[in-house]
């Protein structure tokens, strides 16, 4: 199953969801910039639309963004390599259909 839309840089992470689907994250280079993205892949291979979590540097300094599930939430962590490198985080609540919001 192809996860990216245009051109993945890579750095893939996967978390299984309560309904047996998977939340998949990766870095994609599109529209002249890199983005930390996520999508849900159902057990039958159906893909949800990709969602951008954040803009991110495509180089190695940005590290490997991480995805984790805690109960009914998805947690995201990535390195922002601006003036000062720092770890950024975000949380998405899973809805009844286990879609990130």
N, C-alpha and C. Protein backbone atom coordinates (compact mmCIF):
# COMPACT_ATOMS: atom_id res chain seq x y z
N UNK A 1 0.86 -1.18 0.00
CA UNK A 1 0.00 0.00 0.00
C UNK A 1 0.90 1.22 0.00
N UNK A 2 0.72 2.06 -0.96
CA UNK A 2 1.49 3.29 -1.02
C UNK A 2 0.92 4.28 -0.01
N UNK A 3 1.79 4.84 0.81
CA UNK A 3 1.36 5.75 1.88
C UNK A 3 1.46 7.20 1.44
N UNK A 4 2.53 7.57 0.76
CA UNK A 4 2.74 8.98 0.40
C UNK A 4 1.87 9.38 -0.79
N UNK A 5 1.89 10.69 -1.08
CA UNK A 5 1.14 11.24 -2.20
C UNK A 5 2.04 11.56 -3.38
N UNK A 6 3.17 12.21 -3.10
CA UNK A 6 4.05 12.70 -4.17
C UNK A 6 5.44 12.11 -4.06
N UNK A 7 6.11 12.37 -2.96
CA UNK A 7 7.47 11.90 -2.81
C UNK A 7 7.88 11.85 -1.35
N UNK A 8 7.88 10.66 -0.79
CA UNK A 8 8.23 10.51 0.62
C UNK A 8 9.73 10.67 0.81
N UNK A 9 10.11 11.39 1.85
CA UNK A 9 11.50 11.45 2.29
C UNK A 9 11.77 10.18 3.10
N UNK A 10 10.72 9.67 3.74
CA UNK A 10 10.82 8.45 4.54
C UNK A 10 10.47 8.71 5.98
N UNK A 11 11.23 8.07 6.89
CA UNK A 11 11.05 8.21 8.33
C UNK A 11 9.63 7.84 8.76
N UNK A 12 9.25 6.65 8.42
CA UNK A 12 7.90 6.13 8.65
C UNK A 12 7.74 5.62 10.07
N UNK A 13 6.55 5.80 10.63
CA UNK A 13 6.18 5.23 11.92
C UNK A 13 4.75 4.73 11.80
N UNK A 14 4.40 3.69 12.55
CA UNK A 14 3.07 3.08 12.49
C UNK A 14 2.58 2.79 13.91
N UNK A 15 1.32 3.06 14.14
CA UNK A 15 0.66 2.70 15.39
C UNK A 15 -0.66 2.01 15.05
N UNK A 16 -0.91 0.89 15.68
CA UNK A 16 -2.18 0.20 15.47
C UNK A 16 -3.28 0.89 16.27
N UNK A 17 -4.47 0.96 15.67
CA UNK A 17 -5.61 1.60 16.29
C UNK A 17 -6.57 0.54 16.83
N UNK A 18 -7.45 0.92 17.76
CA UNK A 18 -8.34 -0.06 18.40
C UNK A 18 -9.18 -0.88 17.43
N UNK A 19 -9.53 -0.32 16.26
CA UNK A 19 -10.39 -1.05 15.31
C UNK A 19 -9.59 -1.92 14.33
N UNK A 20 -8.28 -2.03 14.53
CA UNK A 20 -7.45 -2.85 13.66
C UNK A 20 -6.84 -2.10 12.50
N UNK A 21 -7.20 -0.84 12.32
CA UNK A 21 -6.58 -0.01 11.30
C UNK A 21 -5.21 0.45 11.82
N UNK A 22 -4.46 1.13 10.97
CA UNK A 22 -3.16 1.64 11.37
C UNK A 22 -3.08 3.14 11.10
N UNK A 23 -2.46 3.87 12.01
CA UNK A 23 -2.11 5.27 11.79
C UNK A 23 -0.66 5.25 11.32
N UNK A 24 -0.39 5.85 10.18
CA UNK A 24 0.95 5.82 9.59
C UNK A 24 1.42 7.26 9.43
N UNK A 25 2.64 7.54 9.88
CA UNK A 25 3.21 8.88 9.71
C UNK A 25 4.49 8.77 8.87
N UNK A 26 4.84 9.85 8.21
CA UNK A 26 6.02 9.90 7.36
C UNK A 26 6.34 11.35 7.05
N UNK A 27 7.51 11.57 6.45
CA UNK A 27 7.87 12.91 5.97
C UNK A 27 7.75 12.89 4.45
N UNK A 28 7.03 13.86 3.93
CA UNK A 28 6.81 13.95 2.49
C UNK A 28 7.28 15.31 1.98
N UNK A 29 7.91 15.30 0.82
CA UNK A 29 8.32 16.54 0.17
C UNK A 29 7.30 16.86 -0.90
N UNK A 30 6.55 17.93 -0.70
CA UNK A 30 5.51 18.34 -1.64
C UNK A 30 5.38 19.85 -1.59
N UNK A 31 5.00 20.45 -2.69
CA UNK A 31 4.81 21.90 -2.76
C UNK A 31 6.06 22.65 -2.28
N UNK A 32 7.24 22.15 -2.68
CA UNK A 32 8.51 22.81 -2.37
C UNK A 32 8.88 22.83 -0.90
N UNK A 33 8.25 21.96 -0.09
CA UNK A 33 8.60 21.91 1.33
C UNK A 33 8.33 20.51 1.88
N UNK A 34 8.96 20.22 3.00
CA UNK A 34 8.78 18.93 3.65
C UNK A 34 7.70 19.07 4.72
N UNK A 35 6.91 18.01 4.88
CA UNK A 35 5.85 17.99 5.88
C UNK A 35 5.85 16.67 6.62
N UNK A 36 5.56 16.73 7.90
CA UNK A 36 5.32 15.56 8.73
C UNK A 36 3.84 15.27 8.54
N UNK A 37 3.52 14.11 7.94
CA UNK A 37 2.14 13.78 7.60
C UNK A 37 1.68 12.50 8.26
N UNK A 38 0.36 12.33 8.29
CA UNK A 38 -0.26 11.13 8.86
C UNK A 38 -1.48 10.76 8.04
N UNK A 39 -1.79 9.48 8.03
CA UNK A 39 -3.05 9.01 7.45
C UNK A 39 -3.43 7.70 8.11
N UNK A 40 -4.69 7.36 8.02
CA UNK A 40 -5.22 6.10 8.56
C UNK A 40 -5.32 5.12 7.41
N UNK A 41 -4.90 3.89 7.64
CA UNK A 41 -5.03 2.83 6.65
C UNK A 41 -5.90 1.74 7.28
N UNK A 42 -7.07 1.51 6.68
CA UNK A 42 -8.00 0.51 7.20
C UNK A 42 -7.46 -0.90 6.94
N UNK A 43 -8.05 -1.86 7.60
CA UNK A 43 -7.62 -3.26 7.45
C UNK A 43 -7.70 -3.73 6.01
N UNK A 44 -8.65 -3.19 5.24
CA UNK A 44 -8.78 -3.59 3.83
C UNK A 44 -7.87 -2.81 2.90
N UNK A 45 -7.03 -1.92 3.47
CA UNK A 45 -6.09 -1.14 2.67
C UNK A 45 -6.59 0.23 2.24
N UNK A 46 -7.83 0.55 2.56
CA UNK A 46 -8.38 1.86 2.23
C UNK A 46 -7.63 2.94 2.99
N UNK A 47 -7.21 3.99 2.29
CA UNK A 47 -6.45 5.08 2.90
C UNK A 47 -7.32 6.30 3.11
N UNK A 48 -7.19 6.94 4.26
CA UNK A 48 -7.86 8.22 4.49
C UNK A 48 -7.04 9.30 3.79
N UNK A 49 -7.60 10.49 3.65
CA UNK A 49 -6.78 11.59 3.13
C UNK A 49 -5.61 11.84 4.08
N UNK A 50 -4.48 12.24 3.52
CA UNK A 50 -3.30 12.57 4.34
C UNK A 50 -3.52 13.91 5.02
N UNK A 51 -3.06 14.01 6.26
CA UNK A 51 -3.14 15.26 7.02
C UNK A 51 -1.73 15.71 7.36
N UNK A 52 -1.46 17.00 7.24
CA UNK A 52 -0.16 17.54 7.64
C UNK A 52 -0.17 17.81 9.13
N UNK A 53 0.79 17.25 9.85
CA UNK A 53 0.94 17.51 11.27
C UNK A 53 1.72 18.81 11.44
N UNK A 54 2.81 18.96 10.66
CA UNK A 54 3.64 20.16 10.77
C UNK A 54 4.60 20.23 9.59
N UNK A 55 5.05 21.45 9.29
CA UNK A 55 6.16 21.61 8.36
C UNK A 55 7.41 21.15 9.08
N UNK A 56 8.35 20.58 8.34
CA UNK A 56 9.54 20.01 8.99
C UNK A 56 10.71 20.09 8.02
N UNK A 57 11.92 20.18 8.55
CA UNK A 57 13.11 20.17 7.70
C UNK A 57 13.29 18.77 7.13
N UNK A 58 13.67 18.68 5.87
CA UNK A 58 13.84 17.38 5.23
C UNK A 58 15.19 16.74 5.55
N UNK A 59 16.13 17.53 6.07
CA UNK A 59 17.47 17.02 6.36
C UNK A 59 17.51 16.14 7.59
N UNK A 60 18.66 15.52 7.79
CA UNK A 60 18.82 14.61 8.92
C UNK A 60 18.71 15.30 10.28
N UNK A 61 18.95 16.59 10.34
CA UNK A 61 18.89 17.31 11.62
C UNK A 61 17.50 17.25 12.23
N UNK A 62 16.48 17.03 11.40
CA UNK A 62 15.12 16.97 11.93
C UNK A 62 14.83 15.64 12.61
N UNK A 63 15.73 14.68 12.50
CA UNK A 63 15.57 13.41 13.19
C UNK A 63 14.44 12.58 12.62
N UNK A 64 13.87 11.74 13.48
CA UNK A 64 12.78 10.84 13.09
C UNK A 64 11.54 11.21 13.89
N UNK A 65 10.55 11.85 13.25
CA UNK A 65 9.31 12.15 13.97
C UNK A 65 8.71 10.86 14.50
N UNK A 66 8.07 10.94 15.65
CA UNK A 66 7.51 9.76 16.30
C UNK A 66 6.01 9.91 16.47
N UNK A 67 5.35 8.77 16.48
CA UNK A 67 3.91 8.67 16.64
C UNK A 67 3.65 7.63 17.72
N UNK A 68 2.73 7.91 18.63
CA UNK A 68 2.38 6.94 19.67
C UNK A 68 0.89 7.08 19.96
N UNK A 69 0.28 5.99 20.38
CA UNK A 69 -1.13 6.03 20.77
C UNK A 69 -1.22 5.88 22.28
N UNK A 70 -2.04 6.73 22.88
CA UNK A 70 -2.33 6.66 24.31
C UNK A 70 -3.85 6.71 24.44
N UNK A 71 -4.45 5.55 24.74
CA UNK A 71 -5.90 5.51 24.84
C UNK A 71 -6.55 5.94 23.55
N UNK A 72 -7.32 7.01 23.60
CA UNK A 72 -8.02 7.52 22.42
C UNK A 72 -7.35 8.76 21.84
N UNK A 73 -6.03 8.83 22.00
CA UNK A 73 -5.28 9.95 21.46
C UNK A 73 -4.05 9.45 20.69
N UNK A 74 -3.67 10.22 19.68
CA UNK A 74 -2.40 10.01 19.00
C UNK A 74 -1.48 11.15 19.43
N UNK A 75 -0.27 10.80 19.80
CA UNK A 75 0.72 11.77 20.22
C UNK A 75 1.80 11.85 19.15
N UNK A 76 2.22 13.06 18.82
CA UNK A 76 3.23 13.29 17.81
C UNK A 76 4.40 14.04 18.43
N UNK A 77 5.61 13.71 18.03
CA UNK A 77 6.80 14.44 18.48
C UNK A 77 7.76 14.55 17.30
N UNK A 78 8.34 15.74 17.12
CA UNK A 78 9.29 15.96 16.04
C UNK A 78 10.26 17.06 16.46
N UNK A 79 11.37 17.15 15.74
CA UNK A 79 12.37 18.17 16.03
C UNK A 79 12.20 19.34 15.09
N UNK A 80 12.08 20.52 15.66
CA UNK A 80 12.02 21.77 14.90
C UNK A 80 13.45 22.29 14.84
N UNK A 81 13.99 22.43 13.65
CA UNK A 81 15.39 22.82 13.51
C UNK A 81 15.52 24.29 13.10
N UNK A 82 14.73 25.15 13.68
CA UNK A 82 14.79 26.58 13.40
C UNK A 82 16.07 27.18 13.95
N UNK A 83 16.00 28.40 14.47
CA UNK A 83 17.17 29.05 15.07
C UNK A 83 17.78 28.18 16.16
N UNK A 84 16.94 27.58 16.96
CA UNK A 84 17.35 26.68 18.04
C UNK A 84 16.58 25.38 17.88
N UNK A 85 17.27 24.26 17.81
CA UNK A 85 16.57 22.98 17.70
C UNK A 85 15.78 22.72 18.97
N UNK A 86 14.53 22.29 18.81
CA UNK A 86 13.71 21.94 19.95
C UNK A 86 12.69 20.88 19.56
N UNK A 87 12.26 20.12 20.53
CA UNK A 87 11.25 19.09 20.29
C UNK A 87 9.88 19.73 20.36
N UNK A 88 9.06 19.46 19.38
CA UNK A 88 7.67 19.93 19.35
C UNK A 88 6.76 18.73 19.53
N UNK A 89 5.58 18.96 20.07
CA UNK A 89 4.63 17.88 20.24
C UNK A 89 3.22 18.34 19.85
N UNK A 90 2.38 17.38 19.54
CA UNK A 90 0.97 17.65 19.24
C UNK A 90 0.17 16.42 19.64
N UNK A 91 -1.13 16.62 19.85
CA UNK A 91 -2.03 15.54 20.23
C UNK A 91 -3.26 15.61 19.33
N UNK A 92 -3.73 14.45 18.87
CA UNK A 92 -4.97 14.36 18.10
C UNK A 92 -5.86 13.34 18.78
N UNK A 93 -7.10 13.72 19.01
CA UNK A 93 -8.06 12.80 19.63
C UNK A 93 -8.66 11.91 18.55
N UNK A 94 -8.76 10.63 18.82
CA UNK A 94 -9.40 9.70 17.89
C UNK A 94 -10.90 9.82 18.02
N UNK A 95 -11.59 9.90 16.89
CA UNK A 95 -13.06 9.96 16.90
C UNK A 95 -13.59 8.54 16.92
N UNK A 96 -14.88 8.38 16.86
CA UNK A 96 -15.49 7.06 16.86
C UNK A 96 -15.00 6.16 15.74
N UNK A 97 -14.64 6.75 14.60
CA UNK A 97 -14.15 5.96 13.47
C UNK A 97 -12.62 5.84 13.51
N UNK A 98 -12.02 6.26 14.62
CA UNK A 98 -10.56 6.19 14.80
C UNK A 98 -9.80 7.05 13.80
N UNK A 99 -10.40 8.15 13.40
CA UNK A 99 -9.74 9.09 12.51
C UNK A 99 -9.07 10.18 13.33
N UNK A 100 -7.82 10.58 12.98
CA UNK A 100 -7.21 11.72 13.66
C UNK A 100 -8.03 12.97 13.33
N UNK A 101 -8.19 13.84 14.29
CA UNK A 101 -8.90 15.11 14.08
C UNK A 101 -7.94 16.25 14.17
